Amino acid sequence: MKPLTYPINRFALRLMLFSLCFGILQVIVYAIYPNDTSIHIGIAHLYPTIIIHTIVLLIVLINGIKNYKDIGEHFLVILTMLANIPIAIGCFYAVIALSDL
């Protein structure tokens, strides 16, 4: 696989990977040591993450439209970022199941 051409795509993938790792780490921490602080940290992470990911996703989409010749790269990044949504929902349901809410 060739390296990503556009810096925004590299940034988007790093952002997605960070959010994925941090979210899964939060679930693991809550599973080991369930407390309200873990839930508050997770929620405090979730709100800005949604906003930032939406902005970055729109920028990648606009960049993909402007640079149509490399649409495959942009499409792959968009799909990868969108794949993070069901994972985040799964983490949310895991915390709900662990907390007996």
Protein backbone atom coordinates (compact mmCIF):
# COMPACT_ATOMS: atom_id res chain seq x y z
CA MET A 1 0.00 0.00 0.00
CA LYS A 2 1.35 3.41 -0.92
CA PRO A 3 1.70 6.08 1.76
CA LEU A 4 -1.03 8.65 2.11
CA THR A 5 -0.52 11.68 -0.11
CA TYR A 6 -2.49 14.31 1.78
CA PRO A 7 -1.57 15.48 5.29
CA ILE A 8 -5.23 15.78 6.30
CA ASN A 9 -5.70 12.07 5.60
CA ARG A 10 -2.70 11.16 7.76
CA PHE A 11 -4.04 13.41 10.53
CA ALA A 12 -7.53 11.89 10.24
CA LEU A 13 -6.19 8.36 10.58
CA ARG A 14 -4.03 9.28 13.57
CA LEU A 15 -6.99 11.01 15.19
CA MET A 16 -9.20 7.98 14.60
CA LEU A 17 -6.56 5.62 15.97
CA PHE A 18 -6.03 7.76 19.09
CA SER A 19 -9.77 7.95 19.76
CA LEU A 20 -10.17 4.23 19.21
CA CYS A 21 -7.34 3.34 21.59
CA PHE A 22 -8.41 5.85 24.23
CA GLY A 23 -12.04 4.71 24.09
CA ILE A 24 -11.16 1.03 24.40
CA LEU A 25 -8.73 1.85 27.21
CA GLN A 26 -11.53 3.70 29.00
CA VAL A 27 -13.78 0.63 28.75
CA ILE A 28 -11.00 -1.62 30.05
CA VAL A 29 -10.29 0.74 32.96
CA TYR A 30 -13.99 0.85 33.79
CA ALA A 31 -14.25 -2.95 33.59
CA ILE A 32 -11.35 -3.35 36.02
CA TYR A 33 -12.16 -0.45 38.33
CA PRO A 34 -15.77 0.69 37.93
CA ASN A 35 -16.37 4.15 39.33
CA ASP A 36 -18.07 7.42 38.42
CA THR A 37 -14.80 9.14 37.58
CA SER A 38 -14.15 6.72 34.71
CA ILE A 39 -17.60 7.43 33.30
CA HIS A 40 -17.12 11.20 33.59
CA ILE A 41 -13.72 11.04 31.86
CA GLY A 42 -15.23 8.93 29.08
CA ILE A 43 -18.12 11.34 28.58
CA ALA A 44 -15.79 14.34 28.74
CA HIS A 45 -13.76 12.68 25.98
CA LEU A 46 -16.81 11.77 23.92
CA TYR A 47 -18.31 15.23 23.37
CA PRO A 48 -15.25 17.00 21.92
CA THR A 49 -14.37 13.85 19.99
CA ILE A 50 -17.70 13.90 18.15
CA ILE A 51 -17.25 17.56 17.22
CA ILE A 52 -13.61 17.21 16.14
CA HIS A 53 -14.22 14.02 14.15
CA THR A 54 -17.17 15.61 12.35
CA ILE A 55 -15.07 18.64 11.37
CA VAL A 56 -12.14 16.47 10.20
CA LEU A 57 -14.51 14.18 8.28
CA LEU A 58 -16.00 17.18 6.47
CA ILE A 59 -12.52 18.50 5.66
CA VAL A 60 -11.48 15.10 4.26
CA LEU A 61 -14.70 14.99 2.22
CA ILE A 62 -14.08 18.48 0.82
CA ASN A 63 -10.46 17.59 0.09
CA GLY A 64 -11.69 14.45 -1.69
CA ILE A 65 -14.00 16.51 -3.87
CA LYS A 66 -11.25 19.02 -4.67
CA ASN A 67 -8.69 16.30 -5.43
CA TYR A 68 -10.91 13.84 -7.24
CA LYS A 69 -7.97 12.05 -8.87
CA ASP A 70 -7.07 10.47 -5.51
CA ILE A 71 -10.64 9.63 -4.51
CA GLY A 72 -9.61 6.11 -3.46
CA GLU A 73 -7.36 7.43 -0.72
CA HIS A 74 -10.02 9.81 0.56
CA PHE A 75 -12.71 7.14 0.39
CA LEU A 76 -10.57 4.73 2.41
CA VAL A 77 -9.93 7.37 5.09
CA ILE A 78 -13.63 8.29 5.25
CA LEU A 79 -14.63 4.63 5.61
CA THR A 80 -12.02 4.09 8.30
CA MET A 81 -13.25 7.11 10.25
CA LEU A 82 -16.87 6.01 9.88
CA ALA A 83 -15.94 2.52 11.13
CA ASN A 84 -15.09 4.14 14.45
CA ILE A 85 -18.77 5.00 15.04
CA PRO A 86 -20.05 1.43 15.60
CA ILE A 87 -16.98 0.69 17.73
CA ALA A 88 -17.77 3.72 19.92
CA ILE A 89 -21.39 2.61 20.21
CA GLY A 90 -20.21 -0.87 21.19
CA CYS A 91 -17.95 0.62 23.88
CA PHE A 92 -20.89 2.67 25.16
CA TYR A 93 -23.09 -0.42 25.41
CA ALA A 94 -20.27 -2.35 27.10
CA VAL A 95 -20.03 0.31 29.81
CA ILE A 96 -23.82 0.33 30.20
CA ALA A 97 -23.82 -3.48 30.55
CA LEU A 98 -20.97 -3.37 33.06
CA SER A 99 -22.63 -0.66 35.15
CA ASP A 100 -26.05 -2.35 35.30
CA LEU A 101 -27.82 0.84 34.22
